[in-house]
């Protein structure tokens, strides 16, 4: 069984959208929705992305020369995504 985190629509308050792949190959994928509090969402989102944020800051400051353009393009797309959701 595979569970993927995600968002429901544009409202993060409705929490995690889990994509569950059933064991039978011909069965359709099942979507389940779990409602979470705003505090839980903020905590889980920012604790998991904390180290990524530190890496992002280093890359934008130019501290990491290796793969800098690759990371900068990833960061720009993520910033666009965060600003539009």
PDB file of N, CA and C in Angstrom:
ATOM      1  N   UNK A   1       0.852  -1.195   0.000  1.00  0.00           N
ATOM      2  CA  UNK A   1       0.000   0.000   0.000  1.00  0.00           C
ATOM      3  C   UNK A   1       0.885   1.241   0.000  1.00  0.00           C
ATOM      4  N   UNK A   2       0.573   2.178  -0.858  1.00  0.00           N
ATOM      5  CA  UNK A   2       1.360   3.394  -0.986  1.00  0.00           C
ATOM      6  C   UNK A   2       0.506   4.589  -0.590  1.00  0.00           C
ATOM      7  N   UNK A   3       1.047   5.450   0.290  1.00  0.00           N
ATOM      8  CA  UNK A   3       0.304   6.629   0.728  1.00  0.00           C
ATOM      9  C   UNK A   3       1.104   7.866   0.350  1.00  0.00           C
ATOM     10  N   UNK A   4       0.465   8.766  -0.380  1.00  0.00           N
ATOM     11  CA  UNK A   4       1.133   9.990  -0.805  1.00  0.00           C
ATOM     12  C   UNK A   4       0.449  11.192  -0.177  1.00  0.00           C
ATOM     13  N   UNK A   5       1.213  12.100   0.443  1.00  0.00           N
ATOM     14  CA  UNK A   5       0.597  13.301   1.011  1.00  0.00           C
ATOM     15  C   UNK A   5       0.228  14.288  -0.085  1.00  0.00           C
ATOM     16  N   UNK A   6      -0.767  15.117   0.208  1.00  0.00           N
ATOM     17  CA  UNK A   6      -1.171  16.112  -0.772  1.00  0.00           C
ATOM     18  C   UNK A   6      -2.186  17.062  -0.198  1.00  0.00           C
ATOM     19  N   UNK A   7      -2.746  17.914  -1.039  1.00  0.00           N
ATOM     20  CA  UNK A   7      -3.731  18.892  -0.591  1.00  0.00           C
ATOM     21  C   UNK A   7      -5.044  18.667  -1.307  1.00  0.00           C
ATOM     22  N   UNK A   8      -6.132  19.002  -0.643  1.00  0.00           N
ATOM     23  CA  UNK A   8      -7.452  18.894  -1.251  1.00  0.00           C
ATOM     24  C   UNK A   8      -7.824  20.271  -1.786  1.00  0.00           C
ATOM     25  N   UNK A   9      -7.930  20.401  -3.088  1.00  0.00           N
ATOM     26  CA  UNK A   9      -8.269  21.687  -3.687  1.00  0.00           C
ATOM     27  C   UNK A   9      -7.218  22.727  -3.355  1.00  0.00           C
ATOM     28  N   UNK A  10      -7.668  23.926  -3.029  1.00  0.00           N
ATOM     29  CA  UNK A  10      -6.739  24.989  -2.683  1.00  0.00           C
ATOM     30  C   UNK A  10      -6.777  25.295  -1.197  1.00  0.00           C
ATOM     31  N   UNK A  11      -7.494  24.497  -0.403  1.00  0.00           N
ATOM     32  CA  UNK A  11      -7.657  24.782   1.012  1.00  0.00           C
ATOM     33  C   UNK A  11      -6.866  23.781   1.837  1.00  0.00           C
ATOM     34  N   UNK A  12      -5.733  24.196   2.434  1.00  0.00           N
ATOM     35  CA  UNK A  12      -4.917  23.256   3.206  1.00  0.00           C
ATOM     36  C   UNK A  12      -5.584  22.793   4.492  1.00  0.00           C
ATOM     37  N   UNK A  13      -6.655  23.468   4.933  1.00  0.00           N
ATOM     38  CA  UNK A  13      -7.307  23.105   6.183  1.00  0.00           C
ATOM     39  C   UNK A  13      -7.922  21.717   6.096  1.00  0.00           C
ATOM     40  N   UNK A  14      -8.306  21.294   4.902  1.00  0.00           N
ATOM     41  CA  UNK A  14      -8.907  19.969   4.765  1.00  0.00           C
ATOM     42  C   UNK A  14      -7.880  18.858   4.732  1.00  0.00           C
ATOM     43  N   UNK A  15      -6.618  19.208   4.951  1.00  0.00           N
ATOM     44  CA  UNK A  15      -5.618  18.219   5.332  1.00  0.00           C
ATOM     45  C   UNK A  15      -5.103  17.327   4.228  1.00  0.00           C
ATOM     46  N   UNK A  16      -4.719  16.166   4.663  1.00  0.00           N
ATOM     47  CA  UNK A  16      -3.972  15.246   3.815  1.00  0.00           C
ATOM     48  C   UNK A  16      -4.906  14.485   2.878  1.00  0.00           C
ATOM     49  N   UNK A  17      -4.567  14.519   1.607  1.00  0.00           N
ATOM     50  CA  UNK A  17      -5.260  13.670   0.639  1.00  0.00           C
ATOM     51  C   UNK A  17      -4.367  12.461   0.412  1.00  0.00           C
ATOM     52  N   UNK A  18      -4.818  11.298   0.853  1.00  0.00           N
ATOM     53  CA  UNK A  18      -3.997  10.091   0.734  1.00  0.00           C
ATOM     54  C   UNK A  18      -4.394   9.326  -0.511  1.00  0.00           C
ATOM     55  N   UNK A  19      -3.407   8.997  -1.292  1.00  0.00           N
ATOM     56  CA  UNK A  19      -3.637   8.203  -2.489  1.00  0.00           C
ATOM     57  C   UNK A  19      -3.255   6.768  -2.153  1.00  0.00           C
ATOM     58  N   UNK A  20      -4.250   5.898  -2.043  1.00  0.00           N
ATOM     59  CA  UNK A  20      -3.988   4.529  -1.619  1.00  0.00           C
ATOM     60  C   UNK A  20      -4.096   3.607  -2.823  1.00  0.00           C
ATOM     61  N   UNK A  21      -3.015   2.922  -3.103  1.00  0.00           N
ATOM     62  CA  UNK A  21      -2.991   1.976  -4.203  1.00  0.00           C
ATOM     63  C   UNK A  21      -3.376   0.604  -3.660  1.00  0.00           C
ATOM     64  N   UNK A  22      -4.505   0.077  -4.101  1.00  0.00           N
ATOM     65  CA  UNK A  22      -4.964  -1.218  -3.602  1.00  0.00           C
ATOM     66  C   UNK A  22      -4.109  -2.339  -4.174  1.00  0.00           C
ATOM     67  N   UNK A  23      -4.175  -3.507  -3.527  1.00  0.00           N
ATOM     68  CA  UNK A  23      -3.310  -4.622  -3.913  1.00  0.00           C
ATOM     69  C   UNK A  23      -3.694  -5.220  -5.264  1.00  0.00           C
ATOM     70  N   UNK A  24      -4.989  -5.245  -5.589  1.00  0.00           N
ATOM     71  CA  UNK A  24      -5.397  -5.811  -6.874  1.00  0.00           C
ATOM     72  C   UNK A  24      -5.043  -4.846  -8.005  1.00  0.00           C
ATOM     73  N   UNK A  25      -4.386  -5.325  -9.056  1.00  0.00           N
ATOM     74  CA  UNK A  25      -3.894  -4.426 -10.107  1.00  0.00           C
ATOM     75  C   UNK A  25      -4.995  -3.757 -10.918  1.00  0.00           C
ATOM     76  N   UNK A  26      -6.158  -4.412 -11.055  1.00  0.00           N
ATOM     77  CA  UNK A  26      -7.207  -3.853 -11.903  1.00  0.00           C
ATOM     78  C   UNK A  26      -8.182  -2.954 -11.160  1.00  0.00           C
ATOM     79  N   UNK A  27      -7.996  -2.820  -9.851  1.00  0.00           N
ATOM     80  CA  UNK A  27      -8.889  -1.970  -9.075  1.00  0.00           C
ATOM     81  C   UNK A  27      -8.475  -0.507  -9.229  1.00  0.00           C
ATOM     82  N   UNK A  28      -9.432   0.421  -9.251  1.00  0.00           N
ATOM     83  CA  UNK A  28      -9.068   1.844  -9.310  1.00  0.00           C
ATOM     84  C   UNK A  28      -8.447   2.307  -7.998  1.00  0.00           C
ATOM     85  N   UNK A  29      -7.709   3.402  -8.068  1.00  0.00           N
ATOM     86  CA  UNK A  29      -7.095   3.948  -6.863  1.00  0.00           C
ATOM     87  C   UNK A  29      -8.153   4.590  -5.983  1.00  0.00           C
ATOM     88  N   UNK A  30      -7.962   4.450  -4.685  1.00  0.00           N
ATOM     89  CA  UNK A  30      -8.943   4.926  -3.715  1.00  0.00           C
ATOM     90  C   UNK A  30      -8.414   6.204  -3.076  1.00  0.00           C
ATOM     91  N   UNK A  31      -9.257   7.236  -3.035  1.00  0.00           N
ATOM     92  CA  UNK A  31      -8.876   8.492  -2.406  1.00  0.00           C
ATOM     93  C   UNK A  31      -9.551   8.597  -1.047  1.00  0.00           C
ATOM     94  N   UNK A  32      -8.753   8.873  -0.022  1.00  0.00           N
ATOM     95  CA  UNK A  32      -9.326   9.099   1.305  1.00  0.00           C
ATOM     96  C   UNK A  32      -8.895  10.469   1.782  1.00  0.00           C
ATOM     97  N   UNK A  33      -9.737  11.108   2.532  1.00  0.00           N
ATOM     98  CA  UNK A  33      -9.460  12.461   3.011  1.00  0.00           C
ATOM     99  C   UNK A  33      -9.518  12.475   4.527  1.00  0.00           C
ATOM    100  N   UNK A  34      -8.505  13.085   5.132  1.00  0.00           N
ATOM    101  CA  UNK A  34      -8.427  13.144   6.587  1.00  0.00           C
ATOM    102  C   UNK A  34      -8.414  14.609   6.992  1.00  0.00           C
ATOM    103  N   UNK A  35      -9.316  14.983   7.868  1.00  0.00           N
ATOM    104  CA  UNK A  35      -9.401  16.374   8.280  1.00  0.00           C
ATOM    105  C   UNK A  35      -8.422  16.629   9.421  1.00  0.00           C
ATOM    106  N   UNK A  36      -7.660  17.705   9.318  1.00  0.00           N
ATOM    107  CA  UNK A  36      -6.660  18.041  10.322  1.00  0.00           C
ATOM    108  C   UNK A  36      -6.894  19.466  10.789  1.00  0.00           C
ATOM    109  N   UNK A  37      -6.404  19.735  11.992  1.00  0.00           N
ATOM    110  CA  UNK A  37      -6.506  21.104  12.486  1.00  0.00           C
ATOM    111  C   UNK A  37      -5.442  21.967  11.814  1.00  0.00           C
ATOM    112  N   UNK A  38      -5.629  23.274  11.866  1.00  0.00           N
ATOM    113  CA  UNK A  38      -4.675  24.198  11.255  1.00  0.00           C
ATOM    114  C   UNK A  38      -3.311  24.059  11.923  1.00  0.00           C
ATOM    115  N   UNK A  39      -3.304  23.879  13.263  1.00  0.00           N
ATOM    116  CA  UNK A  39      -2.038  23.740  13.983  1.00  0.00           C
ATOM    117  C   UNK A  39      -1.276  22.507  13.519  1.00  0.00           C
ATOM    118  N   UNK A  40      -1.985  21.396  13.345  1.00  0.00           N
ATOM    119  CA  UNK A  40      -1.327  20.171  12.890  1.00  0.00           C
ATOM    120  C   UNK A  40      -0.721  20.345  11.506  1.00  0.00           C
ATOM    121  N   UNK A  41      -1.463  21.017  10.633  1.00  0.00           N
ATOM    122  CA  UNK A  41      -0.972  21.210   9.267  1.00  0.00           C
ATOM    123  C   UNK A  41       0.275  22.084   9.271  1.00  0.00           C
ATOM    124  N   UNK A  42       0.229  23.181  10.025  1.00  0.00           N
ATOM    125  CA  UNK A  42       1.365  24.096  10.070  1.00  0.00           C
ATOM    126  C   UNK A  42       2.586  23.388  10.644  1.00  0.00           C
ATOM    127  N   UNK A  43       2.392  22.653  11.758  1.00  0.00           N
ATOM    128  CA  UNK A  43       3.516  21.962  12.385  1.00  0.00           C
ATOM    129  C   UNK A  43       4.112  20.915  11.459  1.00  0.00           C
ATOM    130  N   UNK A  44       3.267  20.072  10.874  1.00  0.00           N
ATOM    131  CA  UNK A  44       3.791  18.999  10.031  1.00  0.00           C
ATOM    132  C   UNK A  44       4.452  19.570   8.784  1.00  0.00           C
ATOM    133  N   UNK A  45       3.849  20.617   8.220  1.00  0.00           N
ATOM    134  CA  UNK A  45       4.410  21.180   6.991  1.00  0.00           C
ATOM    135  C   UNK A  45       5.772  21.819   7.245  1.00  0.00           C
ATOM    136  N   UNK A  46       5.875  22.595   8.329  1.00  0.00           N
ATOM    137  CA  UNK A  46       7.108  23.341   8.524  1.00  0.00           C
ATOM    138  C   UNK A  46       8.198  22.539   9.201  1.00  0.00           C
ATOM    139  N   UNK A  47       7.867  21.490   9.975  1.00  0.00           N
ATOM    140  CA  UNK A  47       8.944  20.662  10.524  1.00  0.00           C
ATOM    141  C   UNK A  47       9.562  19.800   9.436  1.00  0.00           C
ATOM    142  N   UNK A  48       8.760  19.298   8.502  1.00  0.00           N
ATOM    143  CA  UNK A  48       9.326  18.463   7.444  1.00  0.00           C
ATOM    144  C   UNK A  48      10.127  19.289   6.449  1.00  0.00           C
ATOM    145  N   UNK A  49       9.758  20.544   6.258  1.00  0.00           N
ATOM    146  CA  UNK A  49      10.476  21.341   5.253  1.00  0.00           C
ATOM    147  C   UNK A  49      11.533  22.248   5.873  1.00  0.00           C
ATOM    148  N   UNK A  50      11.831  22.062   7.175  1.00  0.00           N
ATOM    149  CA  UNK A  50      12.765  22.966   7.843  1.00  0.00           C
ATOM    150  C   UNK A  50      14.173  22.849   7.260  1.00  0.00           C
ATOM    151  N   UNK A  51      14.672  21.612   7.135  1.00  0.00           N
ATOM    152  CA  UNK A  51      16.028  21.440   6.625  1.00  0.00           C
ATOM    153  C   UNK A  51      16.113  21.792   5.152  1.00  0.00           C
ATOM    154  N   UNK A  52      15.019  21.533   4.426  1.00  0.00           N
ATOM    155  CA  UNK A  52      14.993  21.954   3.030  1.00  0.00           C
ATOM    156  C   UNK A  52      15.056  23.472   2.935  1.00  0.00           C
ATOM    157  N   UNK A  53      14.422  24.150   3.888  1.00  0.00           N
ATOM    158  CA  UNK A  53      14.457  25.612   3.905  1.00  0.00           C
ATOM    159  C   UNK A  53      15.875  26.114   4.147  1.00  0.00           C
ATOM    160  N   UNK A  54      16.603  25.473   5.082  1.00  0.00           N
ATOM    161  CA  UNK A  54      17.990  25.862   5.326  1.00  0.00           C
ATOM    162  C   UNK A  54      18.833  25.683   4.065  1.00  0.00           C
ATOM    163  N   UNK A  55      18.625  24.573   3.374  1.00  0.00           N
ATOM    164  CA  UNK A  55      19.355  24.331   2.133  1.00  0.00           C
ATOM    165  C   UNK A  55      18.993  25.377   1.088  1.00  0.00           C
ATOM    166  N   UNK A  56      17.717  25.738   1.033  1.00  0.00           N
ATOM    167  CA  UNK A  56      17.250  26.761   0.103  1.00  0.00           C
ATOM    168  C   UNK A  56      17.946  28.089   0.353  1.00  0.00           C
ATOM    169  N   UNK A  57      18.048  28.476   1.628  1.00  0.00           N
ATOM    170  CA  UNK A  57      18.698  29.743   1.977  1.00  0.00           C
ATOM    171  C   UNK A  57      20.151  29.719   1.540  1.00  0.00           C
ATOM    172  N   UNK A  58      20.846  28.591   1.796  1.00  0.00           N
ATOM    173  CA  UNK A  58      22.245  28.483   1.386  1.00  0.00           C
ATOM    174  C   UNK A  58      22.395  28.621  -0.122  1.00  0.00           C
ATOM    175  N   UNK A  59      21.502  27.963  -0.855  1.00  0.00           N
ATOM    176  CA  UNK A  59      21.591  28.008  -2.315  1.00  0.00           C
ATOM    177  C   UNK A  59      21.357  29.421  -2.822  1.00  0.00           C
ATOM    178  N   UNK A  60      20.339  30.091  -2.274  1.00  0.00           N
ATOM    179  CA  UNK A  60      20.032  31.439  -2.743  1.00  0.00           C
ATOM    180  C   UNK A  60      21.122  32.431  -2.373  1.00  0.00           C
ATOM    181  N   UNK A  61      21.836  32.169  -1.267  1.00  0.00           N
ATOM    182  CA  UNK A  61      22.942  33.045  -0.890  1.00  0.00           C
ATOM    183  C   UNK A  61      24.193  32.752  -1.705  1.00  0.00           C
ATOM    184  N   UNK A  62      24.162  31.672  -2.451  1.00  0.00           N
ATOM    185  CA  UNK A  62      25.331  31.322  -3.253  1.00  0.00           C
ATOM    186  C   UNK A  62      26.342  30.511  -2.491  1.00  0.00           C
ATOM    187  N   UNK A  63      25.961  29.976  -1.340  1.00  0.00           N
ATOM    188  CA  UNK A  63      26.903  29.208  -0.539  1.00  0.00           C
ATOM    189  C   UNK A  63      27.182  27.831  -1.099  1.00  0.00           C
ATOM    190  N   UNK A  64      26.267  27.303  -1.881  1.00  0.00           N
ATOM    191  CA  UNK A  64      26.476  25.985  -2.474  1.00  0.00           C
ATOM    192  C   UNK A  64      26.678  26.144  -3.968  1.00  0.00           C
ATOM    193  N   UNK A  65      27.867  25.826  -4.435  1.00  0.00           N
ATOM    194  CA  UNK A  65      28.158  25.985  -5.853  1.00  0.00           C
ATOM    195  C   UNK A  65      27.737  24.755  -6.650  1.00  0.00           C
ATOM    196  N   UNK A  66      27.688  23.586  -5.990  1.00  0.00           N
ATOM    197  CA  UNK A  66      27.391  22.346  -6.714  1.00  0.00           C
ATOM    198  C   UNK A  66      25.905  22.261  -7.016  1.00  0.00           C
ATOM    199  N   UNK A  67      25.573  22.106  -8.268  1.00  0.00           N
ATOM    200  CA  UNK A  67      24.180  21.952  -8.666  1.00  0.00           C
ATOM    201  C   UNK A  67      23.324  23.149  -8.326  1.00  0.00           C
ATOM    202  N   UNK A  68      23.934  24.319  -8.332  1.00  0.00           N
ATOM    203  CA  UNK A  68      23.231  25.519  -7.882  1.00  0.00           C
ATOM    204  C   UNK A  68      22.060  25.876  -8.791  1.00  0.00           C
ATOM    205  N   UNK A  69      22.280  25.823 -10.087  1.00  0.00           N
ATOM    206  CA  UNK A  69      21.203  26.209 -11.008  1.00  0.00           C
ATOM    207  C   UNK A  69      20.049  25.218 -10.933  1.00  0.00           C
ATOM    208  N   UNK A  70      20.391  23.926 -10.729  1.00  0.00           N
ATOM    209  CA  UNK A  70      19.337  22.914 -10.601  1.00  0.00           C
ATOM    210  C   UNK A  70      18.461  23.210  -9.392  1.00  0.00           C
ATOM    211  N   UNK A  71      19.096  23.481  -8.251  1.00  0.00           N
ATOM    212  CA  UNK A  71      18.329  23.768  -7.043  1.00  0.00           C
ATOM    213  C   UNK A  71      17.572  25.084  -7.163  1.00  0.00           C
ATOM    214  N   UNK A  72      18.172  26.077  -7.800  1.00  0.00           N
ATOM    215  CA  UNK A  72      17.488  27.360  -7.935  1.00  0.00           C
ATOM    216  C   UNK A  72      16.229  27.231  -8.786  1.00  0.00           C
ATOM    217  N   UNK A  73      16.275  26.415  -9.826  1.00  0.00           N
ATOM    218  CA  UNK A  73      15.062  26.236 -10.629  1.00  0.00           C
ATOM    219  C   UNK A  73      13.995  25.502  -9.834  1.00  0.00           C
ATOM    220  N   UNK A  74      14.415  24.511  -9.012  1.00  0.00           N
ATOM    221  CA  UNK A  74      13.456  23.822  -8.146  1.00  0.00           C
ATOM    222  C   UNK A  74      12.835  24.793  -7.154  1.00  0.00           C
ATOM    223  N   UNK A  75      13.669  25.653  -6.572  1.00  0.00           N
ATOM    224  CA  UNK A  75      13.188  26.610  -5.571  1.00  0.00           C
ATOM    225  C   UNK A  75      12.199  27.586  -6.200  1.00  0.00           C
ATOM    226  N   UNK A  76      12.523  28.081  -7.393  1.00  0.00           N
ATOM    227  CA  UNK A  76      11.621  29.025  -8.048  1.00  0.00           C
ATOM    228  C   UNK A  76      10.265  28.398  -8.326  1.00  0.00           C
ATOM    229  N   UNK A  77      10.254  27.132  -8.764  1.00  0.00           N
ATOM    230  CA  UNK A  77       8.965  26.488  -9.025  1.00  0.00           C
ATOM    231  C   UNK A  77       8.196  26.269  -7.729  1.00  0.00           C
ATOM    232  N   UNK A  78       8.918  25.940  -6.638  1.00  0.00           N
ATOM    233  CA  UNK A  78       8.228  25.751  -5.361  1.00  0.00           C
ATOM    234  C   UNK A  78       7.680  27.064  -4.834  1.00  0.00           C
ATOM    235  N   UNK A  79       8.434  28.137  -4.982  1.00  0.00           N
ATOM    236  CA  UNK A  79       7.944  29.439  -4.536  1.00  0.00           C
ATOM    237  C   UNK A  79       6.704  29.827  -5.331  1.00  0.00           C
ATOM    238  N   UNK A  80       6.724  29.558  -6.635  1.00  0.00           N
ATOM    239  CA  UNK A  80       5.542  29.852  -7.448  1.00  0.00           C
ATOM    240  C   UNK A  80       4.361  29.039  -6.954  1.00  0.00           C
ATOM    241  N   UNK A  81       4.604  27.758  -6.662  1.00  0.00           N
ATOM    242  CA  UNK A  81       3.525  26.871  -6.202  1.00  0.00           C
ATOM    243  C   UNK A  81       2.954  27.362  -4.875  1.00  0.00           C
ATOM    244  N   UNK A  82       3.825  27.723  -3.926  1.00  0.00           N
ATOM    245  CA  UNK A  82       3.364  28.194  -2.615  1.00  0.00           C
ATOM    246  C   UNK A  82       2.575  29.492  -2.737  1.00  0.00           C
ATOM    247  N   UNK A  83       3.000  30.370  -3.631  1.00  0.00           N
ATOM    248  CA  UNK A  83       2.320  31.657  -3.767  1.00  0.00           C
ATOM    249  C   UNK A  83       0.979  31.539  -4.467  1.00  0.00           C
ATOM    250  N   UNK A  84       0.772  30.464  -5.221  1.00  0.00           N
ATOM    251  CA  UNK A  84      -0.475  30.324  -5.965  1.00  0.00           C
ATOM    252  C   UNK A  84      -1.445  29.341  -5.340  1.00  0.00           C
ATOM    253  N   UNK A  85      -1.105  28.830  -4.131  1.00  0.00           N
ATOM    254  CA  UNK A  85      -2.028  27.913  -3.461  1.00  0.00           C
ATOM    255  C   UNK A  85      -2.321  28.358  -2.054  1.00  0.00           C
TER     256      UNK A  85
END
